[in-house]
Amino acid sequence: MKVSIEINGTTVSEEVEDRTLLVHFVREQAGLTATNIGCDTTSCGACTVLLDGESVKSCTVLAAQADGHRVTTLEGLRGEGGDLHPVQRAFREEHGLQCGFCTPGMIMASVSLLDHNPKPTRQEVRDGLEGNLCRCTGYHNIVNAVMNASGQEVQR
């Protein structure tokens, strides 16, 4: 079947099998590899993207379901001049990563969280990111990064 998805402002149209997952379409057909494949079971969140502005785990969405829709990946967050998105900048400033594998999904989930709740509490950040796992950190710096991106005080 033919699928056309707007990814980061560019329409990608490809023939795919009915069972092709959005994460594979993004990585293989669009060539955007920041979206990671972690578990294929919706447990880790490493594959999180924005689908029409909403945070989704792309390992649980068929490419056919995204046909005609808009997808934003980590690569699509940068500004026109190549500037980092405020959430990306905050993750860098607050050292909200270690190995980096979960980082694209964490950032995408954080962008969605802040779109819905621009001034979350620390607990709301933790609750909002509960579907995204990081096996390296204790989440302290990740929460600080989201608080920083929201313009709020971080805990040292």
N, C-alpha and C. Protein backbone atom coordinates (compact mmCIF):
# COMPACT_ATOMS: atom_id res chain seq x y z
N MET A 1 0.85 -1.18 0.00
CA MET A 1 0.00 0.00 0.00
C MET A 1 0.89 1.24 0.00
N LYS A 2 0.40 2.31 -0.58
CA LYS A 2 1.13 3.58 -0.64
C LYS A 2 0.75 4.42 0.57
N VAL A 3 1.77 4.93 1.25
CA VAL A 3 1.58 5.76 2.43
C VAL A 3 2.30 7.09 2.21
N SER A 4 1.63 8.18 2.56
CA SER A 4 2.24 9.52 2.49
C SER A 4 2.11 10.17 3.86
N ILE A 5 3.26 10.50 4.43
CA ILE A 5 3.29 11.09 5.77
C ILE A 5 4.17 12.34 5.71
N GLU A 6 3.68 13.42 6.29
CA GLU A 6 4.51 14.62 6.39
C GLU A 6 5.40 14.45 7.61
N ILE A 7 6.69 14.34 7.38
CA ILE A 7 7.65 14.16 8.47
C ILE A 7 8.57 15.37 8.51
N ASN A 8 8.51 16.09 9.59
CA ASN A 8 9.34 17.29 9.79
C ASN A 8 9.18 18.28 8.64
N GLY A 9 7.95 18.40 8.12
CA GLY A 9 7.66 19.37 7.07
C GLY A 9 7.85 18.87 5.66
N THR A 10 8.34 17.64 5.48
CA THR A 10 8.54 17.07 4.15
C THR A 10 7.66 15.84 3.99
N THR A 11 6.93 15.78 2.89
CA THR A 11 6.07 14.63 2.66
C THR A 11 6.91 13.47 2.13
N VAL A 12 6.77 12.32 2.79
CA VAL A 12 7.46 11.10 2.38
C VAL A 12 6.37 10.13 1.93
N SER A 13 6.43 9.72 0.66
CA SER A 13 5.47 8.78 0.10
C SER A 13 6.21 7.52 -0.34
N GLU A 14 5.77 6.40 0.20
CA GLU A 14 6.44 5.13 -0.10
C GLU A 14 5.43 3.99 -0.10
N GLU A 15 5.74 2.94 -0.84
CA GLU A 15 4.99 1.70 -0.77
C GLU A 15 5.49 0.93 0.45
N VAL A 16 4.57 0.47 1.29
CA VAL A 16 4.95 -0.29 2.48
C VAL A 16 4.03 -1.49 2.64
N GLU A 17 4.47 -2.45 3.41
CA GLU A 17 3.60 -3.57 3.78
C GLU A 17 2.57 -3.06 4.78
N ASP A 18 1.43 -3.70 4.82
CA ASP A 18 0.36 -3.30 5.75
C ASP A 18 0.84 -3.28 7.19
N ARG A 19 1.77 -4.14 7.54
CA ARG A 19 2.22 -4.30 8.93
C ARG A 19 3.40 -3.40 9.30
N THR A 20 3.83 -2.52 8.40
CA THR A 20 4.97 -1.65 8.66
C THR A 20 4.64 -0.68 9.79
N LEU A 21 5.49 -0.68 10.79
CA LEU A 21 5.31 0.24 11.92
C LEU A 21 5.84 1.62 11.57
N LEU A 22 5.26 2.63 12.19
CA LEU A 22 5.69 4.00 11.96
C LEU A 22 7.18 4.17 12.28
N VAL A 23 7.67 3.54 13.33
CA VAL A 23 9.09 3.68 13.68
C VAL A 23 9.98 3.19 12.54
N HIS A 24 9.59 2.11 11.88
CA HIS A 24 10.39 1.59 10.76
C HIS A 24 10.26 2.52 9.54
N PHE A 25 9.07 3.07 9.30
CA PHE A 25 8.88 4.01 8.21
C PHE A 25 9.78 5.23 8.41
N VAL A 26 9.78 5.77 9.63
CA VAL A 26 10.59 6.96 9.93
C VAL A 26 12.08 6.66 9.73
N ARG A 27 12.53 5.53 10.23
CA ARG A 27 13.95 5.19 10.15
C ARG A 27 14.37 4.74 8.75
N GLU A 28 13.59 3.87 8.14
CA GLU A 28 14.01 3.24 6.90
C GLU A 28 13.59 4.01 5.65
N GLN A 29 12.34 4.43 5.57
CA GLN A 29 11.88 5.15 4.39
C GLN A 29 12.30 6.62 4.43
N ALA A 30 12.18 7.26 5.60
CA ALA A 30 12.53 8.68 5.70
C ALA A 30 14.01 8.88 6.02
N GLY A 31 14.69 7.84 6.51
CA GLY A 31 16.12 7.96 6.82
C GLY A 31 16.44 8.79 8.05
N LEU A 32 15.49 8.90 8.95
CA LEU A 32 15.68 9.69 10.17
C LEU A 32 15.91 8.74 11.33
N THR A 33 17.13 8.67 11.81
CA THR A 33 17.50 7.62 12.76
C THR A 33 17.58 8.05 14.22
N ALA A 34 17.17 9.27 14.54
CA ALA A 34 17.16 9.66 15.95
C ALA A 34 16.08 8.91 16.71
N THR A 35 15.00 8.54 16.02
CA THR A 35 13.93 7.77 16.64
C THR A 35 14.43 6.35 16.82
N ASN A 36 14.59 5.92 18.05
CA ASN A 36 15.20 4.62 18.32
C ASN A 36 14.17 3.51 18.48
N ILE A 37 14.60 2.31 18.19
CA ILE A 37 13.80 1.11 18.43
C ILE A 37 14.38 0.47 19.67
N GLY A 38 13.58 0.48 20.74
CA GLY A 38 14.09 -0.06 22.00
C GLY A 38 13.51 -1.41 22.36
N CYS A 39 12.19 -1.50 22.39
CA CYS A 39 11.56 -2.70 22.92
C CYS A 39 10.52 -3.33 22.01
N ASP A 40 9.96 -2.55 21.09
CA ASP A 40 8.87 -2.99 20.22
C ASP A 40 7.64 -3.44 20.99
N THR A 41 7.52 -3.06 22.23
CA THR A 41 6.37 -3.47 23.06
C THR A 41 5.73 -2.30 23.78
N THR A 42 6.04 -1.09 23.42
CA THR A 42 5.52 0.15 24.02
C THR A 42 5.95 0.36 25.47
N SER A 43 7.00 -0.33 25.89
CA SER A 43 7.43 -0.23 27.28
C SER A 43 8.44 0.87 27.54
N CYS A 44 9.31 1.17 26.58
CA CYS A 44 10.45 2.03 26.91
C CYS A 44 10.32 3.49 26.46
N GLY A 45 9.61 3.76 25.38
CA GLY A 45 9.43 5.13 24.92
C GLY A 45 10.56 5.68 24.07
N ALA A 46 11.56 4.87 23.74
CA ALA A 46 12.69 5.36 22.93
C ALA A 46 12.25 5.77 21.53
N CYS A 47 11.09 5.28 21.10
CA CYS A 47 10.59 5.55 19.75
C CYS A 47 9.57 6.68 19.72
N THR A 48 9.45 7.45 20.78
CA THR A 48 8.43 8.50 20.86
C THR A 48 8.63 9.58 19.80
N VAL A 49 7.54 9.89 19.11
CA VAL A 49 7.49 10.98 18.13
C VAL A 49 6.21 11.76 18.40
N LEU A 50 6.05 12.87 17.71
CA LEU A 50 4.80 13.62 17.79
C LEU A 50 4.00 13.31 16.53
N LEU A 51 2.78 12.86 16.71
CA LEU A 51 1.86 12.58 15.60
C LEU A 51 0.75 13.62 15.70
N ASP A 52 0.72 14.53 14.73
CA ASP A 52 -0.21 15.67 14.78
C ASP A 52 -0.09 16.40 16.12
N GLY A 53 1.14 16.52 16.61
CA GLY A 53 1.41 17.26 17.83
C GLY A 53 1.27 16.49 19.12
N GLU A 54 0.80 15.25 19.04
CA GLU A 54 0.61 14.42 20.25
C GLU A 54 1.71 13.38 20.36
N SER A 55 2.21 13.19 21.55
CA SER A 55 3.25 12.21 21.82
C SER A 55 2.71 10.79 21.63
N VAL A 56 3.36 10.00 20.77
CA VAL A 56 2.99 8.60 20.57
C VAL A 56 4.25 7.75 20.51
N LYS A 57 4.10 6.51 20.88
CA LYS A 57 5.19 5.55 20.74
C LYS A 57 5.05 4.94 19.35
N SER A 58 5.99 5.26 18.49
CA SER A 58 5.86 4.89 17.07
C SER A 58 6.02 3.40 16.81
N CYS A 59 6.37 2.62 17.83
CA CYS A 59 6.43 1.17 17.66
C CYS A 59 5.05 0.54 17.80
N THR A 60 4.04 1.35 18.15
CA THR A 60 2.68 0.82 18.30
C THR A 60 1.71 1.45 17.31
N VAL A 61 2.24 2.22 16.37
CA VAL A 61 1.41 2.86 15.36
C VAL A 61 1.84 2.31 14.00
N LEU A 62 0.88 1.86 13.22
CA LEU A 62 1.19 1.42 11.87
C LEU A 62 1.42 2.64 10.99
N ALA A 63 2.33 2.51 10.03
CA ALA A 63 2.55 3.60 9.08
C ALA A 63 1.25 3.96 8.38
N ALA A 64 0.42 2.96 8.09
CA ALA A 64 -0.87 3.22 7.44
C ALA A 64 -1.78 4.10 8.30
N GLN A 65 -1.69 3.99 9.61
CA GLN A 65 -2.49 4.82 10.50
C GLN A 65 -2.04 6.28 10.46
N ALA A 66 -0.77 6.50 10.12
CA ALA A 66 -0.21 7.85 10.05
C ALA A 66 -0.35 8.45 8.66
N ASP A 67 -0.86 7.69 7.70
CA ASP A 67 -1.04 8.17 6.33
C ASP A 67 -1.86 9.46 6.35
N GLY A 68 -1.31 10.49 5.70
CA GLY A 68 -2.01 11.77 5.64
C GLY A 68 -1.84 12.64 6.87
N HIS A 69 -1.04 12.19 7.82
CA HIS A 69 -0.85 12.94 9.07
C HIS A 69 0.55 13.56 9.11
N ARG A 70 0.79 14.31 10.17
CA ARG A 70 2.05 15.04 10.37
C ARG A 70 2.82 14.41 11.52
N VAL A 71 4.08 14.07 11.26
CA VAL A 71 4.96 13.48 12.28
C VAL A 71 6.14 14.42 12.50
N THR A 72 6.49 14.61 13.76
CA THR A 72 7.70 15.37 14.10
C THR A 72 8.62 14.45 14.88
N THR A 73 9.86 14.40 14.44
CA THR A 73 10.89 13.62 15.13
C THR A 73 11.88 14.59 15.77
N LEU A 74 12.84 14.05 16.49
CA LEU A 74 13.87 14.88 17.11
C LEU A 74 14.55 15.77 16.08
N GLU A 75 14.80 15.23 14.90
CA GLU A 75 15.47 16.01 13.86
C GLU A 75 14.65 17.23 13.45
N GLY A 76 13.34 17.17 13.62
CA GLY A 76 12.46 18.25 13.21
C GLY A 76 12.28 19.35 14.24
N LEU A 77 12.90 19.21 15.40
CA LEU A 77 12.75 20.23 16.45
C LEU A 77 13.64 21.45 16.25
N ARG A 78 14.73 21.30 15.56
CA ARG A 78 15.66 22.42 15.40
C ARG A 78 15.00 23.59 14.67
N GLY A 79 15.41 24.77 15.04
CA GLY A 79 14.91 25.98 14.40
C GLY A 79 15.49 26.15 13.01
N GLU A 80 15.00 27.16 12.28
CA GLU A 80 15.46 27.40 10.91
C GLU A 80 16.95 27.64 10.83
N GLY A 81 17.51 28.30 11.80
CA GLY A 81 18.94 28.56 11.80
C GLY A 81 19.77 27.43 12.39
N GLY A 82 19.12 26.30 12.68
CA GLY A 82 19.82 25.17 13.26
C GLY A 82 19.91 25.24 14.78
N ASP A 83 19.24 26.24 15.36
CA ASP A 83 19.25 26.38 16.82
C ASP A 83 18.52 25.20 17.47
N LEU A 84 19.02 24.80 18.63
CA LEU A 84 18.36 23.75 19.37
C LEU A 84 17.01 24.23 19.88
N HIS A 85 16.07 23.32 19.93
CA HIS A 85 14.77 23.57 20.56
C HIS A 85 15.03 23.83 22.05
N PRO A 86 14.23 24.64 22.73
CA PRO A 86 14.45 24.90 24.15
C PRO A 86 14.55 23.64 25.01
N VAL A 87 13.81 22.60 24.67
CA VAL A 87 13.91 21.36 25.45
C VAL A 87 15.24 20.67 25.18
N GLN A 88 15.69 20.65 23.94
CA GLN A 88 17.00 20.08 23.62
C GLN A 88 18.10 20.84 24.36
N ARG A 89 18.01 22.16 24.33
CA ARG A 89 19.01 22.99 25.00
C ARG A 89 19.02 22.72 26.51
N ALA A 90 17.83 22.58 27.10
CA ALA A 90 17.74 22.32 28.53
C ALA A 90 18.31 20.95 28.89
N PHE A 91 18.07 19.94 28.07
CA PHE A 91 18.65 18.62 28.32
C PHE A 91 20.17 18.71 28.31
N ARG A 92 20.73 19.49 27.38
CA ARG A 92 22.18 19.65 27.33
C ARG A 92 22.68 20.41 28.57
N GLU A 93 22.01 21.50 28.92
CA GLU A 93 22.44 22.33 30.06
C GLU A 93 22.35 21.58 31.39
N GLU A 94 21.34 20.74 31.54
CA GLU A 94 21.12 20.04 32.81
C GLU A 94 21.68 18.62 32.82
N HIS A 95 22.39 18.25 31.77
CA HIS A 95 22.98 16.90 31.66
C HIS A 95 21.88 15.84 31.84
N GLY A 96 20.78 16.02 31.10
CA GLY A 96 19.64 15.12 31.20
C GLY A 96 19.79 13.87 30.36
N LEU A 97 21.00 13.38 30.24
CA LEU A 97 21.23 12.16 29.47
C LEU A 97 22.54 11.54 29.94
N GLN A 98 22.69 10.26 29.65
CA GLN A 98 23.97 9.61 29.86
C GLN A 98 24.38 8.93 28.56
N CYS A 99 23.85 7.73 28.32
CA CYS A 99 24.24 7.05 27.08
C CYS A 99 23.57 7.67 25.86
N GLY A 100 22.42 8.30 26.05
CA GLY A 100 21.73 8.99 24.97
C GLY A 100 20.69 8.18 24.23
N PHE A 101 20.56 6.89 24.51
CA PHE A 101 19.63 6.06 23.76
C PHE A 101 18.17 6.49 23.98
N CYS A 102 17.81 6.82 25.21
CA CYS A 102 16.42 7.21 25.50
C CYS A 102 16.17 8.68 25.21
N THR A 103 17.22 9.45 25.01
CA THR A 103 17.10 10.91 24.93
C THR A 103 16.14 11.41 23.86
N PRO A 104 16.17 10.90 22.63
CA PRO A 104 15.20 11.41 21.64
C PRO A 104 13.76 11.22 22.10
N GLY A 105 13.43 10.06 22.64
CA GLY A 105 12.08 9.81 23.12
C GLY A 105 11.73 10.68 24.32
N MET A 106 12.69 10.85 25.23
CA MET A 106 12.46 11.71 26.39
C MET A 106 12.20 13.15 25.97
N ILE A 107 12.97 13.62 25.02
CA ILE A 107 12.81 15.00 24.56
C ILE A 107 11.46 15.17 23.88
N MET A 108 11.08 14.23 23.02
CA MET A 108 9.79 14.35 22.33
C MET A 108 8.63 14.30 23.32
N ALA A 109 8.71 13.40 24.30
CA ALA A 109 7.66 13.32 25.32
C ALA A 109 7.63 14.61 26.14
N SER A 110 8.79 15.19 26.42
CA SER A 110 8.86 16.43 27.18
C SER A 110 8.26 17.60 26.41
N VAL A 111 8.51 17.65 25.11
CA VAL A 111 7.93 18.70 24.27
C VAL A 111 6.41 18.62 24.33
N SER A 112 5.88 17.42 24.20
CA SER A 112 4.43 17.23 24.26
C SER A 112 3.89 17.61 25.64
N LEU A 113 4.58 17.18 26.68
CA LEU A 113 4.17 17.51 28.05
C LEU A 113 4.08 19.02 28.24
N LEU A 114 5.12 19.73 27.80
CA LEU A 114 5.14 21.18 27.99
C LEU A 114 4.14 21.90 27.09
N ASP A 115 3.80 21.31 25.96
CA ASP A 115 2.75 21.88 25.12
C ASP A 115 1.40 21.84 25.84
N HIS A 116 1.18 20.77 26.59
CA HIS A 116 -0.09 20.61 27.32
C HIS A 116 -0.07 21.27 28.70
N ASN A 117 1.11 21.36 29.29
CA ASN A 117 1.24 21.91 30.65
C ASN A 117 2.54 22.71 30.71
N PRO A 118 2.51 23.99 30.34
CA PRO A 118 3.73 24.80 30.24
C PRO A 118 4.49 25.01 31.56
N LYS A 119 3.83 24.86 32.69
CA LYS A 119 4.47 25.08 34.00
C LYS A 119 4.19 23.90 34.93
N PRO A 120 4.69 22.71 34.59
CA PRO A 120 4.40 21.54 35.43
C PRO A 120 5.18 21.56 36.74
N THR A 121 4.65 20.87 37.72
CA THR A 121 5.41 20.62 38.95
C THR A 121 6.39 19.49 38.66
N ARG A 122 7.33 19.29 39.57
CA ARG A 122 8.27 18.18 39.40
C ARG A 122 7.53 16.85 39.34
N GLN A 123 6.48 16.69 40.16
CA GLN A 123 5.72 15.45 40.14
C GLN A 123 4.97 15.28 38.82
N GLU A 124 4.45 16.37 38.29
CA GLU A 124 3.76 16.29 36.99
C GLU A 124 4.73 15.92 35.88
N VAL A 125 5.97 16.38 35.97
CA VAL A 125 6.98 15.97 34.99
C VAL A 125 7.23 14.47 35.10
N ARG A 126 7.44 14.00 36.33
CA ARG A 126 7.66 12.56 36.53
C ARG A 126 6.47 11.74 36.01
N ASP A 127 5.27 12.19 36.32
CA ASP A 127 4.07 11.48 35.85
C ASP A 127 3.98 11.53 34.33
N GLY A 128 4.29 12.67 33.76
CA GLY A 128 4.19 12.84 32.31
C GLY A 128 5.20 12.04 31.52
N LEU A 129 6.30 11.69 32.15
CA LEU A 129 7.36 10.93 31.48
C LEU A 129 7.40 9.47 31.92
N GLU A 130 6.40 9.03 32.66
CA GLU A 130 6.45 7.68 33.22
C GLU A 130 6.50 6.58 32.17
N GLY A 131 6.06 6.85 30.95
CA GLY A 131 6.11 5.85 29.89
C GLY A 131 7.43 5.82 29.14
N ASN A 132 8.37 6.63 29.56
CA ASN A 132 9.69 6.67 28.94
C ASN A 132 10.74 6.24 29.96
N LEU A 133 11.45 5.19 29.63
CA LEU A 133 12.42 4.63 30.56
C LEU A 133 13.84 5.07 30.22
N CYS A 134 14.59 5.35 31.28
CA CYS A 134 16.02 5.60 31.17
C CYS A 134 16.70 4.60 32.09
N ARG A 135 17.56 3.80 31.55
CA ARG A 135 18.22 2.78 32.35
C ARG A 135 19.55 3.27 32.94
N CYS A 136 19.93 4.50 32.62
CA CYS A 136 21.23 5.01 33.08
C CYS A 136 21.13 6.00 34.24
N THR A 137 20.05 6.80 34.28
CA THR A 137 19.99 7.88 35.26
C THR A 137 18.92 7.62 36.30
N GLY A 138 18.91 8.43 37.32
CA GLY A 138 17.86 8.38 38.32
C GLY A 138 16.77 9.39 38.03
N TYR A 139 16.72 9.93 36.84
CA TYR A 139 15.71 10.87 36.36
C TYR A 139 15.84 12.28 36.93
N HIS A 140 16.66 12.50 37.92
CA HIS A 140 16.79 13.81 38.54
C HIS A 140 17.14 14.87 37.50
N ASN A 141 18.17 14.61 36.70
CA ASN A 141 18.59 15.60 35.71
C ASN A 141 17.60 15.73 34.55
N ILE A 142 16.87 14.66 34.24
CA ILE A 142 15.85 14.73 33.21
C ILE A 142 14.72 15.64 33.69
N VAL A 143 14.29 15.47 34.92
CA VAL A 143 13.25 16.34 35.48
C VAL A 143 13.76 17.78 35.53
N ASN A 144 15.01 17.97 35.94
CA ASN A 144 15.59 19.31 35.95
C ASN A 144 15.58 19.93 34.56
N ALA A 145 15.86 19.12 33.53
CA ALA A 145 15.87 19.63 32.16
C ALA A 145 14.49 20.14 31.77
N VAL A 146 13.45 19.40 32.11
CA VAL A 146 12.09 19.82 31.76
C VAL A 146 11.71 21.07 32.55
N MET A 147 12.10 21.11 33.81
CA MET A 147 11.82 22.31 34.61
C MET A 147 12.55 23.52 34.03
N ASN A 148 13.80 23.34 33.62
CA ASN A 148 14.58 24.40 32.99
C ASN A 148 13.88 24.86 31.72
N ALA A 149 13.45 23.93 30.88
CA ALA A 149 12.79 24.28 29.62
C ALA A 149 11.49 25.04 29.86
N SER A 150 10.86 24.80 31.01
CA SER A 150 9.62 25.50 31.33
C SER A 150 9.87 26.82 32.03
N GLY A 151 11.15 27.16 32.23
CA GLY A 151 11.48 28.43 32.86
C GLY A 151 11.37 28.42 34.36
N GLN A 152 11.35 27.22 34.94
CA GLN A 152 11.19 27.10 36.39
C GLN A 152 12.52 26.72 37.04
N GLU A 153 12.53 26.83 38.33
CA GLU A 153 13.72 26.52 39.13
C GLU A 153 14.03 25.03 39.10
N VAL A 154 15.32 24.72 38.99
CA VAL A 154 15.76 23.33 39.04
C VAL A 154 16.33 23.04 40.42
N GLN A 155 16.35 21.79 40.79
CA GLN A 155 16.94 21.38 42.09
C GLN A 155 18.36 20.89 41.86
N ARG A 156 19.25 21.38 42.65
CA ARG A 156 20.66 20.95 42.54
C ARG A 156 20.97 19.93 43.60
